[in-house]
């Protein structure tokens, strides 16, 4: 049986670094500035990375 609390605590992507797929996409994104919707943004880990790349971000999370 999976201990989800333990997995949550051990995950490097809970509040830390943005997901690799997000980084790779925006490193290769050519538009100067885009408006991005981060649906399910949680604490904003990916939204912060995207904003630092110069994009406008709207983060929405139902929790």
C-alpha atoms as a PDB file:
ATOM      1  CA  UNK A   1       0.000   0.000   0.000  1.00  0.00           C
ATOM      2  CA  UNK A   2       1.260   3.495  -0.863  1.00  0.00           C
ATOM      3  CA  UNK A   3       1.795   5.935   1.987  1.00  0.00           C
ATOM      4  CA  UNK A   4       0.643   9.112   0.225  1.00  0.00           C
ATOM      5  CA  UNK A   5       1.740  11.415   3.040  1.00  0.00           C
ATOM      6  CA  UNK A   6       5.271  10.014   2.836  1.00  0.00           C
ATOM      7  CA  UNK A   7       5.290  10.316  -0.967  1.00  0.00           C
ATOM      8  CA  UNK A   8       4.060  13.924  -0.691  1.00  0.00           C
ATOM      9  CA  UNK A   9       6.776  14.832   1.799  1.00  0.00           C
ATOM     10  CA  UNK A  10       9.516  13.191  -0.297  1.00  0.00           C
ATOM     11  CA  UNK A  11       8.503  14.707  -3.631  1.00  0.00           C
ATOM     12  CA  UNK A  12      10.895  17.358  -4.962  1.00  0.00           C
ATOM     13  CA  UNK A  13       8.047  18.867  -6.990  1.00  0.00           C
ATOM     14  CA  UNK A  14       5.667  19.667  -4.149  1.00  0.00           C
ATOM     15  CA  UNK A  15       6.795  23.256  -3.616  1.00  0.00           C
ATOM     16  CA  UNK A  16      10.234  23.365  -5.188  1.00  0.00           C
ATOM     17  CA  UNK A  17      11.384  23.272  -8.782  1.00  0.00           C
ATOM     18  CA  UNK A  18       8.955  23.551 -11.704  1.00  0.00           C
ATOM     19  CA  UNK A  19       8.212  20.378 -13.616  1.00  0.00           C
ATOM     20  CA  UNK A  20      10.748  19.563 -16.333  1.00  0.00           C
ATOM     21  CA  UNK A  21       8.056  19.577 -19.035  1.00  0.00           C
ATOM     22  CA  UNK A  22       7.130  23.170 -18.128  1.00  0.00           C
ATOM     23  CA  UNK A  23      10.765  24.266 -18.156  1.00  0.00           C
ATOM     24  CA  UNK A  24      11.462  22.608 -21.520  1.00  0.00           C
ATOM     25  CA  UNK A  25       8.346  24.084 -23.124  1.00  0.00           C
ATOM     26  CA  UNK A  26       9.001  27.665 -22.022  1.00  0.00           C
ATOM     27  CA  UNK A  27      12.736  27.482 -22.724  1.00  0.00           C
ATOM     28  CA  UNK A  28      11.800  26.812 -26.369  1.00  0.00           C
ATOM     29  CA  UNK A  29       8.737  29.106 -26.570  1.00  0.00           C
ATOM     30  CA  UNK A  30       9.374  31.863 -29.120  1.00  0.00           C
ATOM     31  CA  UNK A  31       6.681  34.460 -28.345  1.00  0.00           C
ATOM     32  CA  UNK A  32       7.932  37.430 -26.351  1.00  0.00           C
ATOM     33  CA  UNK A  33       5.027  37.525 -23.934  1.00  0.00           C
ATOM     34  CA  UNK A  34       1.982  35.313 -23.584  1.00  0.00           C
ATOM     35  CA  UNK A  35      -0.933  35.081 -21.191  1.00  0.00           C
ATOM     36  CA  UNK A  36      -0.881  31.665 -19.525  1.00  0.00           C
ATOM     37  CA  UNK A  37      -3.611  29.952 -17.498  1.00  0.00           C
ATOM     38  CA  UNK A  38      -2.140  27.626 -14.865  1.00  0.00           C
ATOM     39  CA  UNK A  39      -5.144  25.497 -13.961  1.00  0.00           C
ATOM     40  CA  UNK A  40      -4.576  23.568 -10.743  1.00  0.00           C
ATOM     41  CA  UNK A  41      -1.626  25.788  -9.854  1.00  0.00           C
ATOM     42  CA  UNK A  42      -1.360  24.712  -6.220  1.00  0.00           C
ATOM     43  CA  UNK A  43       1.173  26.962  -4.511  1.00  0.00           C
ATOM     44  CA  UNK A  44       2.247  28.459  -7.821  1.00  0.00           C
ATOM     45  CA  UNK A  45       5.547  26.676  -8.418  1.00  0.00           C
ATOM     46  CA  UNK A  46       5.096  26.510 -12.212  1.00  0.00           C
ATOM     47  CA  UNK A  47       3.289  29.870 -12.423  1.00  0.00           C
ATOM     48  CA  UNK A  48       6.236  31.593 -10.746  1.00  0.00           C
ATOM     49  CA  UNK A  49       8.682  30.065 -13.217  1.00  0.00           C
ATOM     50  CA  UNK A  50       6.501  31.098 -16.176  1.00  0.00           C
ATOM     51  CA  UNK A  51       6.122  34.654 -14.840  1.00  0.00           C
ATOM     52  CA  UNK A  52       9.895  34.949 -14.405  1.00  0.00           C
ATOM     53  CA  UNK A  53      10.200  34.137 -18.111  1.00  0.00           C
ATOM     54  CA  UNK A  54       8.220  37.335 -18.790  1.00  0.00           C
ATOM     55  CA  UNK A  55       4.735  35.955 -19.319  1.00  0.00           C
ATOM     56  CA  UNK A  56       1.486  37.004 -17.663  1.00  0.00           C
ATOM     57  CA  UNK A  57       0.097  34.142 -15.567  1.00  0.00           C
ATOM     58  CA  UNK A  58      -3.332  33.527 -14.074  1.00  0.00           C
ATOM     59  CA  UNK A  59      -3.235  30.712 -11.531  1.00  0.00           C
ATOM     60  CA  UNK A  60      -6.459  28.970 -10.504  1.00  0.00           C
ATOM     61  CA  UNK A  61      -6.775  26.181  -7.963  1.00  0.00           C
ATOM     62  CA  UNK A  62     -10.025  24.837  -6.514  1.00  0.00           C
ATOM     63  CA  UNK A  63      -8.449  23.616  -3.278  1.00  0.00           C
END
